[in-house]
C-alpha atoms as a PDB file:
ATOM      1  CA  UNK A   1       0.000   0.000   0.000  1.00  0.00           C
ATOM      2  CA  UNK A   2       1.087   3.569  -0.644  1.00  0.00           C
ATOM      3  CA  UNK A   3      -0.273   6.605   1.158  1.00  0.00           C
ATOM      4  CA  UNK A   4      -0.887   9.951  -0.492  1.00  0.00           C
ATOM      5  CA  UNK A   5       2.498  10.959   0.999  1.00  0.00           C
ATOM      6  CA  UNK A   6       4.129   7.983  -0.779  1.00  0.00           C
ATOM      7  CA  UNK A   7       4.738   6.020   2.428  1.00  0.00           C
ATOM      8  CA  UNK A   8       4.820   2.311   1.713  1.00  0.00           C
ATOM      9  CA  UNK A   9       3.377  -0.462   3.876  1.00  0.00           C
ATOM     10  CA  UNK A  10       3.833  -4.009   2.616  1.00  0.00           C
ATOM     11  CA  UNK A  11       1.017  -6.521   2.971  1.00  0.00           C
ATOM     12  CA  UNK A  12       1.807  -9.185   5.557  1.00  0.00           C
ATOM     13  CA  UNK A  13       0.453 -11.836   3.173  1.00  0.00           C
ATOM     14  CA  UNK A  14      -0.544 -12.119  -0.467  1.00  0.00           C
ATOM     15  CA  UNK A  15      -4.084 -11.612  -1.732  1.00  0.00           C
ATOM     16  CA  UNK A  16      -4.862 -13.831  -4.706  1.00  0.00           C
ATOM     17  CA  UNK A  17      -7.703 -12.484  -6.892  1.00  0.00           C
ATOM     18  CA  UNK A  18      -7.783 -15.531  -9.189  1.00  0.00           C
ATOM     19  CA  UNK A  19     -11.057 -17.444  -9.496  1.00  0.00           C
ATOM     20  CA  UNK A  20     -12.914 -15.057  -7.139  1.00  0.00           C
ATOM     21  CA  UNK A  21     -15.666 -12.501  -7.549  1.00  0.00           C
ATOM     22  CA  UNK A  22     -14.400  -8.939  -7.491  1.00  0.00           C
ATOM     23  CA  UNK A  23     -16.370  -8.241  -4.284  1.00  0.00           C
ATOM     24  CA  UNK A  24     -14.710 -11.181  -2.529  1.00  0.00           C
ATOM     25  CA  UNK A  25     -11.116 -10.359  -3.382  1.00  0.00           C
ATOM     26  CA  UNK A  26     -11.640  -6.628  -2.763  1.00  0.00           C
ATOM     27  CA  UNK A  27     -12.916  -7.531   0.723  1.00  0.00           C
ATOM     28  CA  UNK A  28      -9.770  -9.633   1.149  1.00  0.00           C
ATOM     29  CA  UNK A  29      -7.648  -6.637   0.093  1.00  0.00           C
ATOM     30  CA  UNK A  30      -9.421  -4.447   2.640  1.00  0.00           C
ATOM     31  CA  UNK A  31      -8.915  -7.048   5.367  1.00  0.00           C
ATOM     32  CA  UNK A  32      -5.242  -7.380   4.448  1.00  0.00           C
ATOM     33  CA  UNK A  33      -4.837  -3.599   4.571  1.00  0.00           C
ATOM     34  CA  UNK A  34      -6.168  -3.554   8.150  1.00  0.00           C
ATOM     35  CA  UNK A  35      -4.041  -6.545   9.161  1.00  0.00           C
ATOM     36  CA  UNK A  36      -0.919  -4.993   7.624  1.00  0.00           C
ATOM     37  CA  UNK A  37      -1.415  -1.615   9.319  1.00  0.00           C
ATOM     38  CA  UNK A  38      -2.066  -3.375  12.635  1.00  0.00           C
ATOM     39  CA  UNK A  39       1.197  -5.310  12.209  1.00  0.00           C
ATOM     40  CA  UNK A  40       3.132  -2.164  11.285  1.00  0.00           C
ATOM     41  CA  UNK A  41       1.751  -0.253  14.262  1.00  0.00           C
ATOM     42  CA  UNK A  42       2.632  -3.077  16.633  1.00  0.00           C
ATOM     43  CA  UNK A  43       6.105  -3.290  15.093  1.00  0.00           C
ATOM     44  CA  UNK A  44       6.680   0.448  15.519  1.00  0.00           C
ATOM     45  CA  UNK A  45       5.585   0.338  19.178  1.00  0.00           C
ATOM     46  CA  UNK A  46       7.816  -2.675  19.844  1.00  0.00           C
ATOM     47  CA  UNK A  47      10.852  -1.029  18.208  1.00  0.00           C
ATOM     48  CA  UNK A  48      10.560   2.256  20.141  1.00  0.00           C
ATOM     49  CA  UNK A  49      12.606   1.259  23.230  1.00  0.00           C
ATOM     50  CA  UNK A  50      15.516  -0.069  21.188  1.00  0.00           C
ATOM     51  CA  UNK A  51      15.777   2.731  18.620  1.00  0.00           C
ATOM     52  CA  UNK A  52      16.844   6.357  18.962  1.00  0.00           C
ATOM     53  CA  UNK A  53      13.687   8.423  18.538  1.00  0.00           C
ATOM     54  CA  UNK A  54      15.024  10.425  15.584  1.00  0.00           C
ATOM     55  CA  UNK A  55      15.749   7.188  13.715  1.00  0.00           C
ATOM     56  CA  UNK A  56      12.493   5.583  14.880  1.00  0.00           C
ATOM     57  CA  UNK A  57      10.457   8.386  13.286  1.00  0.00           C
ATOM     58  CA  UNK A  58      12.183   7.757   9.949  1.00  0.00           C
ATOM     59  CA  UNK A  59      11.766   3.975  10.073  1.00  0.00           C
ATOM     60  CA  UNK A  60       7.957   3.797  10.273  1.00  0.00           C
ATOM     61  CA  UNK A  61       4.904   5.290   8.536  1.00  0.00           C
ATOM     62  CA  UNK A  62       3.671   8.624   9.869  1.00  0.00           C
ATOM     63  CA  UNK A  63       0.378   7.374  11.302  1.00  0.00           C
ATOM     64  CA  UNK A  64       2.216   4.610  13.168  1.00  0.00           C
ATOM     65  CA  UNK A  65       4.608   7.205  14.582  1.00  0.00           C
ATOM     66  CA  UNK A  66       1.707   9.373  15.750  1.00  0.00           C
ATOM     67  CA  UNK A  67      -0.081   6.454  17.397  1.00  0.00           C
ATOM     68  CA  UNK A  68       3.056   4.786  18.719  1.00  0.00           C
ATOM     69  CA  UNK A  69       4.231   8.067  20.235  1.00  0.00           C
ATOM     70  CA  UNK A  70       0.993   8.319  22.178  1.00  0.00           C
ATOM     71  CA  UNK A  71       1.335   4.741  23.441  1.00  0.00           C
ATOM     72  CA  UNK A  72       4.857   5.436  24.689  1.00  0.00           C
ATOM     73  CA  UNK A  73       4.034   8.910  26.006  1.00  0.00           C
ATOM     74  CA  UNK A  74       1.270   7.412  28.176  1.00  0.00           C
ATOM     75  CA  UNK A  75       3.509   4.595  29.390  1.00  0.00           C
ATOM     76  CA  UNK A  76       6.432   6.869  30.223  1.00  0.00           C
ATOM     77  CA  UNK A  77       4.276   9.497  31.927  1.00  0.00           C
ATOM     78  CA  UNK A  78       2.660   6.807  34.094  1.00  0.00           C
ATOM     79  CA  UNK A  79       6.116   5.519  35.040  1.00  0.00           C
ATOM     80  CA  UNK A  80       7.330   9.059  35.813  1.00  0.00           C
ATOM     81  CA  UNK A  81       4.304   9.671  38.032  1.00  0.00           C
ATOM     82  CA  UNK A  82       4.913   6.397  39.860  1.00  0.00           C
ATOM     83  CA  UNK A  83       8.577   7.395  40.401  1.00  0.00           C
ATOM     84  CA  UNK A  84       7.545  10.956  41.301  1.00  0.00           C
ATOM     85  CA  UNK A  85       9.887  12.208  38.585  1.00  0.00           C
ATOM     86  CA  UNK A  86       7.755  14.305  36.248  1.00  0.00           C
ATOM     87  CA  UNK A  87      10.596  16.821  35.857  1.00  0.00           C
ATOM     88  CA  UNK A  88      12.901  14.048  34.680  1.00  0.00           C
ATOM     89  CA  UNK A  89      10.399  12.961  32.044  1.00  0.00           C
ATOM     90  CA  UNK A  90       9.872  16.592  31.020  1.00  0.00           C
ATOM     91  CA  UNK A  91      13.623  16.919  30.457  1.00  0.00           C
ATOM     92  CA  UNK A  92      13.688  13.711  28.381  1.00  0.00           C
ATOM     93  CA  UNK A  93      10.705  14.845  26.303  1.00  0.00           C
ATOM     94  CA  UNK A  94      12.258  18.247  25.706  1.00  0.00           C
ATOM     95  CA  UNK A  95      15.519  16.636  24.598  1.00  0.00           C
ATOM     96  CA  UNK A  96      13.704  14.260  22.227  1.00  0.00           C
ATOM     97  CA  UNK A  97      11.669  17.092  20.697  1.00  0.00           C
ATOM     98  CA  UNK A  98      14.750  19.234  20.225  1.00  0.00           C
ATOM     99  CA  UNK A  99      16.509  16.314  18.514  1.00  0.00           C
ATOM    100  CA  UNK A 100      13.597  15.966  16.118  1.00  0.00           C
ATOM    101  CA  UNK A 101      13.587  19.659  15.323  1.00  0.00           C
END
């Protein structure tokens, strides 16, 4: 799949249109699109802790970055609250944003 911004997401499996009605294989394409985006989002979330954020943003589609960032923001804020270290997380966030700029 290609977005309007030319980002590419590969299907996780092939869709074979042979010997099928157009409605059936188009439904399979739609299902594969959802499955592939779900896989890519999960992959981007899983890769976040092991990849520098500036590189992470370049390695994954934009919508996965937006969603994955929110997953990790929530996780890290909850951990900072539990540690009573909001200022420490603020400093990390500021550093990451400055790196991206």
